N, C-alpha and C. Protein backbone atom coordinates (compact mmCIF):
# COMPACT_ATOMS: atom_id res chain seq x y z
N MET A 1 3.88 -34.46 -22.55
CA MET A 1 5.31 -34.70 -22.58
C MET A 1 5.75 -35.20 -21.21
N SER A 2 6.60 -36.16 -21.20
CA SER A 2 7.11 -36.73 -19.97
C SER A 2 8.05 -35.74 -19.27
N VAL A 3 8.06 -35.82 -17.97
CA VAL A 3 8.96 -34.98 -17.19
C VAL A 3 10.41 -35.28 -17.54
N ALA A 4 10.68 -36.49 -17.99
CA ALA A 4 12.05 -36.87 -18.33
C ALA A 4 12.62 -36.02 -19.46
N PHE A 5 11.75 -35.43 -20.28
CA PHE A 5 12.22 -34.65 -21.40
C PHE A 5 12.24 -33.14 -21.13
N THR A 6 12.05 -32.77 -19.91
CA THR A 6 12.11 -31.35 -19.55
C THR A 6 13.26 -31.12 -18.61
N LYS A 7 13.61 -29.86 -18.41
CA LYS A 7 14.68 -29.52 -17.49
C LYS A 7 14.16 -29.34 -16.07
N GLU A 8 12.88 -29.58 -15.86
CA GLU A 8 12.31 -29.43 -14.52
C GLU A 8 12.67 -30.62 -13.66
N GLU A 9 12.81 -30.37 -12.37
CA GLU A 9 13.10 -31.45 -11.43
C GLU A 9 11.88 -32.36 -11.29
N SER A 10 10.69 -31.78 -11.36
CA SER A 10 9.46 -32.55 -11.25
C SER A 10 8.36 -31.78 -11.96
N SER A 11 7.25 -32.46 -12.18
CA SER A 11 6.13 -31.79 -12.85
C SER A 11 5.53 -30.71 -11.97
N GLU A 12 5.80 -30.77 -10.67
CA GLU A 12 5.26 -29.77 -9.75
C GLU A 12 6.14 -28.52 -9.65
N THR A 13 7.35 -28.57 -10.14
CA THR A 13 8.29 -27.45 -9.97
C THR A 13 7.73 -26.14 -10.48
N ALA A 14 7.15 -26.16 -11.67
CA ALA A 14 6.61 -24.92 -12.23
C ALA A 14 5.50 -24.38 -11.36
N ALA A 15 4.60 -25.24 -10.92
CA ALA A 15 3.48 -24.80 -10.09
C ALA A 15 3.97 -24.30 -8.73
N GLU A 16 5.03 -24.91 -8.22
CA GLU A 16 5.55 -24.51 -6.92
C GLU A 16 6.15 -23.12 -6.95
N THR A 17 6.60 -22.68 -8.11
CA THR A 17 7.26 -21.38 -8.20
C THR A 17 6.31 -20.27 -8.61
N MET A 18 5.07 -20.58 -8.89
CA MET A 18 4.08 -19.55 -9.21
C MET A 18 3.43 -19.09 -7.90
N LEU A 19 3.73 -17.90 -7.49
CA LEU A 19 3.17 -17.38 -6.26
C LEU A 19 1.81 -16.76 -6.53
N PRO A 20 0.89 -16.87 -5.59
CA PRO A 20 -0.42 -16.23 -5.79
C PRO A 20 -0.26 -14.71 -5.79
N ASP A 21 -1.17 -14.04 -6.47
CA ASP A 21 -1.12 -12.58 -6.51
C ASP A 21 -1.27 -12.00 -5.12
N ARG A 22 -0.62 -10.86 -4.90
CA ARG A 22 -0.80 -10.13 -3.65
C ARG A 22 -2.23 -9.61 -3.64
N PRO A 23 -2.89 -9.63 -2.50
CA PRO A 23 -4.27 -9.13 -2.46
C PRO A 23 -4.33 -7.64 -2.78
N VAL A 24 -5.31 -7.27 -3.58
CA VAL A 24 -5.52 -5.89 -3.97
C VAL A 24 -6.80 -5.41 -3.29
N SER A 25 -6.71 -4.29 -2.65
CA SER A 25 -7.86 -3.72 -1.94
C SER A 25 -9.00 -3.43 -2.90
N PRO A 26 -10.23 -3.67 -2.47
CA PRO A 26 -11.38 -3.34 -3.31
C PRO A 26 -11.75 -1.85 -3.26
N HIS A 27 -11.09 -1.10 -2.40
CA HIS A 27 -11.39 0.32 -2.22
C HIS A 27 -10.71 1.16 -3.30
N PRO A 28 -11.21 2.37 -3.53
CA PRO A 28 -10.54 3.25 -4.50
C PRO A 28 -9.07 3.43 -4.13
N ASN A 29 -8.22 3.41 -5.14
CA ASN A 29 -6.77 3.51 -4.94
C ASN A 29 -6.35 4.98 -4.94
N LEU A 30 -6.75 5.71 -3.90
CA LEU A 30 -6.38 7.12 -3.78
C LEU A 30 -4.92 7.21 -3.36
N VAL A 31 -4.19 8.14 -3.98
CA VAL A 31 -2.78 8.31 -3.65
C VAL A 31 -2.42 9.79 -3.59
N THR A 32 -1.43 10.09 -2.77
CA THR A 32 -0.84 11.42 -2.78
C THR A 32 0.23 11.41 -3.88
N GLU A 33 0.78 12.57 -4.17
CA GLU A 33 1.85 12.64 -5.16
C GLU A 33 3.03 11.77 -4.74
N ALA A 34 3.39 11.85 -3.45
CA ALA A 34 4.49 11.03 -2.94
C ALA A 34 4.14 9.55 -3.00
N GLY A 35 2.90 9.22 -2.76
CA GLY A 35 2.47 7.83 -2.82
C GLY A 35 2.56 7.26 -4.22
N LEU A 36 2.18 8.05 -5.22
CA LEU A 36 2.26 7.61 -6.60
C LEU A 36 3.73 7.40 -7.00
N LYS A 37 4.59 8.33 -6.59
CA LYS A 37 6.02 8.19 -6.90
C LYS A 37 6.59 6.93 -6.24
N ALA A 38 6.15 6.64 -5.02
CA ALA A 38 6.63 5.45 -4.32
C ALA A 38 6.17 4.18 -5.04
N LEU A 39 4.92 4.16 -5.50
CA LEU A 39 4.43 3.00 -6.25
C LEU A 39 5.23 2.81 -7.53
N GLN A 40 5.50 3.90 -8.23
CA GLN A 40 6.27 3.82 -9.47
C GLN A 40 7.70 3.33 -9.19
N GLN A 41 8.28 3.79 -8.11
CA GLN A 41 9.62 3.36 -7.73
C GLN A 41 9.62 1.87 -7.39
N GLN A 42 8.63 1.42 -6.63
CA GLN A 42 8.56 0.01 -6.27
C GLN A 42 8.34 -0.86 -7.50
N LEU A 43 7.56 -0.38 -8.46
CA LEU A 43 7.37 -1.10 -9.72
C LEU A 43 8.70 -1.22 -10.45
N GLY A 44 9.44 -0.13 -10.52
CA GLY A 44 10.75 -0.15 -11.17
C GLY A 44 11.72 -1.10 -10.50
N GLU A 45 11.73 -1.11 -9.16
CA GLU A 45 12.61 -2.02 -8.43
C GLU A 45 12.23 -3.48 -8.68
N ALA A 46 10.92 -3.76 -8.72
CA ALA A 46 10.46 -5.12 -8.97
C ALA A 46 10.84 -5.57 -10.38
N LYS A 47 10.73 -4.66 -11.36
CA LYS A 47 11.13 -4.98 -12.73
C LYS A 47 12.63 -5.26 -12.82
N THR A 48 13.41 -4.46 -12.10
CA THR A 48 14.86 -4.66 -12.09
C THR A 48 15.21 -6.03 -11.50
N LEU A 49 14.58 -6.39 -10.39
CA LEU A 49 14.82 -7.70 -9.78
C LEU A 49 14.39 -8.83 -10.71
N TYR A 50 13.25 -8.64 -11.37
CA TYR A 50 12.76 -9.65 -12.32
C TYR A 50 13.76 -9.82 -13.46
N ASP A 51 14.21 -8.72 -14.03
CA ASP A 51 15.17 -8.78 -15.14
C ASP A 51 16.47 -9.48 -14.71
N ALA A 52 16.95 -9.16 -13.52
CA ALA A 52 18.18 -9.77 -13.02
C ALA A 52 17.99 -11.27 -12.80
N SER A 53 16.84 -11.66 -12.28
CA SER A 53 16.57 -13.07 -12.03
C SER A 53 16.36 -13.84 -13.32
N SER A 54 15.90 -13.18 -14.34
CA SER A 54 15.61 -13.84 -15.63
C SER A 54 16.87 -14.31 -16.35
N THR A 55 18.02 -13.85 -15.93
CA THR A 55 19.27 -14.24 -16.59
C THR A 55 19.89 -15.49 -16.00
N ILE A 56 19.32 -16.03 -14.95
CA ILE A 56 19.85 -17.25 -14.33
C ILE A 56 19.68 -18.41 -15.31
N GLU A 57 20.73 -19.15 -15.52
CA GLU A 57 20.71 -20.21 -16.54
C GLU A 57 19.90 -21.43 -16.12
N ASP A 58 20.02 -21.87 -14.88
CA ASP A 58 19.30 -23.05 -14.44
C ASP A 58 17.80 -22.72 -14.38
N VAL A 59 17.01 -23.44 -15.18
CA VAL A 59 15.59 -23.13 -15.33
C VAL A 59 14.83 -23.21 -14.00
N ASN A 60 15.14 -24.19 -13.18
CA ASN A 60 14.43 -24.34 -11.91
C ASN A 60 14.79 -23.22 -10.94
N GLU A 61 16.07 -22.88 -10.88
CA GLU A 61 16.49 -21.78 -10.01
C GLU A 61 15.93 -20.46 -10.52
N ARG A 62 15.92 -20.28 -11.84
CA ARG A 62 15.36 -19.05 -12.42
C ARG A 62 13.89 -18.92 -12.03
N ARG A 63 13.13 -20.00 -12.14
CA ARG A 63 11.70 -19.95 -11.77
C ARG A 63 11.53 -19.57 -10.31
N ARG A 64 12.37 -20.13 -9.45
CA ARG A 64 12.28 -19.80 -8.02
C ARG A 64 12.61 -18.33 -7.78
N GLN A 65 13.65 -17.84 -8.46
CA GLN A 65 14.12 -16.48 -8.22
C GLN A 65 13.21 -15.40 -8.83
N VAL A 66 12.52 -15.71 -9.93
CA VAL A 66 11.67 -14.69 -10.56
C VAL A 66 10.27 -14.65 -9.96
N ALA A 67 9.89 -15.66 -9.19
CA ALA A 67 8.52 -15.75 -8.67
C ALA A 67 8.12 -14.52 -7.86
N GLY A 68 8.95 -14.12 -6.90
CA GLY A 68 8.63 -12.96 -6.07
C GLY A 68 8.58 -11.66 -6.85
N PRO A 69 9.65 -11.35 -7.61
CA PRO A 69 9.62 -10.12 -8.40
C PRO A 69 8.48 -10.08 -9.42
N LEU A 70 8.15 -11.22 -10.03
CA LEU A 70 7.06 -11.25 -11.00
C LEU A 70 5.72 -10.92 -10.32
N ARG A 71 5.52 -11.48 -9.14
CA ARG A 71 4.30 -11.17 -8.39
C ARG A 71 4.27 -9.69 -8.03
N ASP A 72 5.40 -9.12 -7.61
CA ASP A 72 5.45 -7.71 -7.27
C ASP A 72 5.22 -6.82 -8.49
N VAL A 73 5.76 -7.20 -9.64
CA VAL A 73 5.53 -6.44 -10.87
C VAL A 73 4.04 -6.40 -11.17
N ARG A 74 3.36 -7.54 -11.08
CA ARG A 74 1.91 -7.57 -11.34
C ARG A 74 1.17 -6.66 -10.37
N TYR A 75 1.52 -6.73 -9.08
CA TYR A 75 0.84 -5.94 -8.06
C TYR A 75 1.06 -4.45 -8.28
N PHE A 76 2.32 -4.03 -8.37
CA PHE A 76 2.61 -2.60 -8.49
C PHE A 76 2.14 -2.03 -9.81
N ALA A 77 2.18 -2.81 -10.88
CA ALA A 77 1.65 -2.34 -12.17
C ALA A 77 0.15 -2.07 -12.05
N ALA A 78 -0.56 -2.96 -11.37
CA ALA A 78 -2.00 -2.76 -11.18
C ALA A 78 -2.26 -1.54 -10.30
N ARG A 79 -1.46 -1.37 -9.25
CA ARG A 79 -1.67 -0.24 -8.35
C ARG A 79 -1.35 1.10 -9.02
N VAL A 80 -0.31 1.13 -9.84
CA VAL A 80 0.01 2.36 -10.59
C VAL A 80 -1.11 2.64 -11.59
N HIS A 81 -1.58 1.60 -12.26
CA HIS A 81 -2.63 1.77 -13.28
C HIS A 81 -3.94 2.29 -12.68
N THR A 82 -4.28 1.84 -11.47
CA THR A 82 -5.56 2.23 -10.86
C THR A 82 -5.43 3.43 -9.93
N ALA A 83 -4.23 3.96 -9.77
CA ALA A 83 -4.01 5.08 -8.85
C ALA A 83 -4.82 6.31 -9.26
N GLN A 84 -5.46 6.91 -8.27
CA GLN A 84 -6.20 8.15 -8.46
C GLN A 84 -5.47 9.24 -7.67
N LEU A 85 -4.70 10.05 -8.38
CA LEU A 85 -3.91 11.09 -7.74
C LEU A 85 -4.83 12.14 -7.15
N MET A 86 -4.68 12.39 -5.87
CA MET A 86 -5.50 13.37 -5.17
C MET A 86 -4.66 14.61 -4.90
N ALA A 87 -5.24 15.76 -5.17
CA ALA A 87 -4.56 17.03 -4.89
C ALA A 87 -4.46 17.22 -3.38
N ASP A 88 -3.47 17.99 -2.97
CA ASP A 88 -3.37 18.34 -1.55
C ASP A 88 -4.64 19.07 -1.15
N PRO A 89 -5.06 18.92 0.11
CA PRO A 89 -6.27 19.61 0.55
C PRO A 89 -6.17 21.12 0.32
N ALA A 90 -7.26 21.70 -0.15
CA ALA A 90 -7.29 23.14 -0.43
C ALA A 90 -7.42 23.96 0.86
N SER A 91 -7.87 23.31 1.92
CA SER A 91 -8.14 24.03 3.16
C SER A 91 -7.70 23.19 4.35
N THR A 92 -7.41 23.86 5.43
CA THR A 92 -7.11 23.15 6.67
C THR A 92 -8.29 23.27 7.64
N ASP A 93 -9.45 23.66 7.11
CA ASP A 93 -10.64 23.79 7.95
C ASP A 93 -11.33 22.46 8.20
N ILE A 94 -11.24 21.55 7.22
CA ILE A 94 -11.94 20.27 7.30
C ILE A 94 -10.95 19.15 7.00
N VAL A 95 -11.05 18.05 7.74
CA VAL A 95 -10.17 16.90 7.51
C VAL A 95 -10.51 16.28 6.16
N ALA A 96 -9.49 16.13 5.32
CA ALA A 96 -9.67 15.55 3.99
C ALA A 96 -8.49 14.61 3.70
N PHE A 97 -8.59 13.88 2.61
CA PHE A 97 -7.48 13.04 2.17
C PHE A 97 -6.26 13.93 2.00
N GLY A 98 -5.15 13.53 2.59
CA GLY A 98 -3.92 14.31 2.53
C GLY A 98 -3.72 15.23 3.72
N SER A 99 -4.75 15.42 4.53
CA SER A 99 -4.62 16.27 5.72
C SER A 99 -3.74 15.61 6.78
N THR A 100 -3.07 16.46 7.55
CA THR A 100 -2.36 16.00 8.74
C THR A 100 -3.23 16.42 9.91
N VAL A 101 -3.63 15.44 10.71
CA VAL A 101 -4.59 15.69 11.79
C VAL A 101 -3.95 15.36 13.13
N THR A 102 -4.08 16.28 14.07
CA THR A 102 -3.65 16.04 15.44
C THR A 102 -4.92 15.89 16.27
N PHE A 103 -4.96 14.83 17.06
CA PHE A 103 -6.14 14.60 17.90
C PHE A 103 -5.71 14.07 19.26
N SER A 104 -6.58 14.30 20.23
CA SER A 104 -6.31 13.79 21.57
C SER A 104 -7.29 12.66 21.86
N ARG A 105 -6.78 11.63 22.46
CA ARG A 105 -7.59 10.46 22.82
C ARG A 105 -8.11 10.62 24.24
N ASP A 106 -9.14 9.87 24.55
CA ASP A 106 -9.73 9.97 25.89
C ASP A 106 -8.81 9.43 26.97
N ASP A 107 -7.71 8.76 26.59
CA ASP A 107 -6.74 8.30 27.59
C ASP A 107 -5.59 9.29 27.78
N GLY A 108 -5.70 10.47 27.13
CA GLY A 108 -4.70 11.52 27.29
C GLY A 108 -3.63 11.58 26.22
N ARG A 109 -3.52 10.56 25.40
CA ARG A 109 -2.50 10.57 24.34
C ARG A 109 -2.89 11.57 23.26
N VAL A 110 -1.90 12.25 22.73
CA VAL A 110 -2.09 13.15 21.59
C VAL A 110 -1.31 12.54 20.43
N GLN A 111 -1.97 12.37 19.29
CA GLN A 111 -1.34 11.76 18.14
C GLN A 111 -1.55 12.61 16.89
N THR A 112 -0.60 12.52 15.97
CA THR A 112 -0.69 13.24 14.71
C THR A 112 -0.44 12.26 13.58
N TYR A 113 -1.36 12.25 12.62
CA TYR A 113 -1.23 11.37 11.45
C TYR A 113 -1.64 12.12 10.19
N ARG A 114 -1.00 11.75 9.09
CA ARG A 114 -1.42 12.24 7.78
C ARG A 114 -2.27 11.15 7.15
N ILE A 115 -3.39 11.52 6.56
CA ILE A 115 -4.29 10.57 5.93
C ILE A 115 -3.87 10.40 4.47
N VAL A 116 -3.48 9.16 4.12
CA VAL A 116 -2.90 8.87 2.81
C VAL A 116 -3.53 7.61 2.22
N GLY A 117 -3.00 7.18 1.06
CA GLY A 117 -3.46 5.96 0.41
C GLY A 117 -3.04 4.71 1.16
N GLU A 118 -3.69 3.62 0.83
CA GLU A 118 -3.44 2.36 1.54
C GLU A 118 -2.00 1.87 1.40
N ASP A 119 -1.42 2.00 0.23
CA ASP A 119 -0.06 1.49 0.02
C ASP A 119 1.00 2.35 0.70
N GLU A 120 0.72 3.61 0.95
CA GLU A 120 1.73 4.47 1.57
C GLU A 120 1.53 4.64 3.06
N ALA A 121 0.48 4.07 3.61
CA ALA A 121 0.21 4.20 5.04
C ALA A 121 1.28 3.49 5.86
N ASP A 122 1.76 4.18 6.88
CA ASP A 122 2.75 3.64 7.81
C ASP A 122 2.57 4.35 9.15
N PRO A 123 1.74 3.80 10.02
CA PRO A 123 1.45 4.46 11.30
C PRO A 123 2.70 4.82 12.11
N LYS A 124 3.72 3.98 12.06
CA LYS A 124 4.95 4.27 12.81
C LYS A 124 5.63 5.52 12.28
N ALA A 125 5.42 5.81 10.99
CA ALA A 125 6.03 6.99 10.37
C ALA A 125 5.06 8.17 10.33
N GLY A 126 3.87 8.01 10.92
CA GLY A 126 2.95 9.13 11.03
C GLY A 126 1.92 9.24 9.92
N SER A 127 1.62 8.14 9.24
CA SER A 127 0.57 8.20 8.21
C SER A 127 -0.36 7.00 8.36
N ILE A 128 -1.65 7.25 8.10
CA ILE A 128 -2.65 6.18 8.17
C ILE A 128 -3.47 6.17 6.89
N SER A 129 -3.97 5.01 6.57
CA SER A 129 -4.78 4.83 5.37
C SER A 129 -6.11 5.56 5.50
N HIS A 130 -6.57 6.10 4.39
CA HIS A 130 -7.87 6.75 4.37
C HIS A 130 -9.00 5.76 4.66
N MET A 131 -8.71 4.47 4.59
CA MET A 131 -9.72 3.44 4.87
C MET A 131 -9.64 2.92 6.29
N SER A 132 -8.70 3.41 7.08
CA SER A 132 -8.60 2.96 8.48
C SER A 132 -9.80 3.51 9.26
N PRO A 133 -10.19 2.82 10.31
CA PRO A 133 -11.33 3.29 11.11
C PRO A 133 -11.14 4.72 11.65
N VAL A 134 -9.94 5.04 12.10
CA VAL A 134 -9.69 6.39 12.63
C VAL A 134 -9.85 7.42 11.53
N ALA A 135 -9.23 7.18 10.38
CA ALA A 135 -9.32 8.15 9.28
C ALA A 135 -10.76 8.32 8.81
N ARG A 136 -11.48 7.22 8.67
CA ARG A 136 -12.88 7.32 8.23
C ARG A 136 -13.71 8.13 9.22
N ALA A 137 -13.42 7.99 10.52
CA ALA A 137 -14.16 8.76 11.53
C ALA A 137 -13.79 10.25 11.47
N LEU A 138 -12.56 10.57 11.08
CA LEU A 138 -12.09 11.95 11.07
C LEU A 138 -12.45 12.72 9.79
N LEU A 139 -12.54 12.04 8.67
CA LEU A 139 -12.79 12.71 7.39
C LEU A 139 -14.08 13.55 7.45
N GLY A 140 -13.96 14.80 7.00
CA GLY A 140 -15.11 15.70 6.97
C GLY A 140 -15.35 16.45 8.27
N LYS A 141 -14.55 16.20 9.28
CA LYS A 141 -14.72 16.86 10.59
C LYS A 141 -13.83 18.10 10.67
N THR A 142 -14.07 18.89 11.71
CA THR A 142 -13.32 20.13 11.92
C THR A 142 -12.67 20.13 13.31
N VAL A 143 -11.80 21.12 13.55
CA VAL A 143 -11.16 21.25 14.85
C VAL A 143 -12.23 21.39 15.93
N GLY A 144 -12.06 20.65 17.01
CA GLY A 144 -13.01 20.67 18.11
C GLY A 144 -14.04 19.55 18.04
N ASP A 145 -14.23 18.96 16.87
CA ASP A 145 -15.18 17.85 16.75
C ASP A 145 -14.65 16.64 17.51
N GLU A 146 -15.58 15.92 18.12
CA GLU A 146 -15.25 14.67 18.80
C GLU A 146 -15.91 13.54 18.03
N VAL A 147 -15.16 12.43 17.87
CA VAL A 147 -15.69 11.26 17.20
C VAL A 147 -15.37 10.03 18.04
N GLU A 148 -16.12 9.00 17.82
CA GLU A 148 -15.90 7.74 18.54
C GLU A 148 -15.36 6.73 17.54
N THR A 149 -14.31 6.05 17.93
CA THR A 149 -13.77 4.98 17.10
C THR A 149 -13.15 3.93 18.01
N GLY A 150 -13.47 2.70 17.75
CA GLY A 150 -12.93 1.61 18.55
C GLY A 150 -13.32 1.67 20.01
N GLY A 151 -14.47 2.23 20.30
CA GLY A 151 -14.92 2.33 21.68
C GLY A 151 -14.29 3.46 22.47
N HIS A 152 -13.54 4.32 21.80
CA HIS A 152 -12.88 5.45 22.46
C HIS A 152 -13.23 6.74 21.74
N ASP A 153 -13.23 7.84 22.52
CA ASP A 153 -13.49 9.15 21.95
C ASP A 153 -12.17 9.83 21.61
N ILE A 154 -12.17 10.52 20.47
CA ILE A 154 -11.03 11.34 20.10
C ILE A 154 -11.54 12.72 19.69
N GLU A 155 -10.74 13.73 20.01
CA GLU A 155 -11.10 15.10 19.68
C GLU A 155 -10.03 15.70 18.77
N ILE A 156 -10.48 16.32 17.68
CA ILE A 156 -9.56 16.93 16.73
C ILE A 156 -9.00 18.22 17.34
N VAL A 157 -7.68 18.30 17.42
CA VAL A 157 -6.99 19.44 18.01
C VAL A 157 -6.49 20.39 16.93
N ALA A 158 -5.99 19.83 15.81
CA ALA A 158 -5.45 20.68 14.73
C ALA A 158 -5.52 19.92 13.41
N ILE A 159 -5.63 20.70 12.33
CA ILE A 159 -5.63 20.14 10.98
C ILE A 159 -4.58 20.91 10.18
N GLY A 160 -3.70 20.18 9.55
CA GLY A 160 -2.66 20.82 8.76
C GLY A 160 -2.61 20.31 7.36
């Protein structure tokens, strides 16, 4: 069919508005209870934005406006579907997924982070992904253990 018989501005318009999928981590999608709720909330928000954008009458503008929310719906739906809810750690003796760990660095800094899923990790807010180099070095360790990461030594001070 000729472009003249469609409402598209050009034959490329449809392709231009299809955004590539957000990259999905190949690692297990471990989540805390709060992380799962956040994924579900983000999925709901993306669906709401998609539904609102779908009512735009101009076909080209509608395609442009739904592209982002549609990509987010696909991403968050996949993340909710593959989420593996992890129980809170049963003990504070060993660093595990969900633990809050305080450690001192060899430069004197003391930091505290909770080990969480990739989608809920936010170092500025005090959480790191279980797949981060620091978290991987800390998992399975106890208070007083020293580990090396990134060319620096860190010592576990507390586990909560």
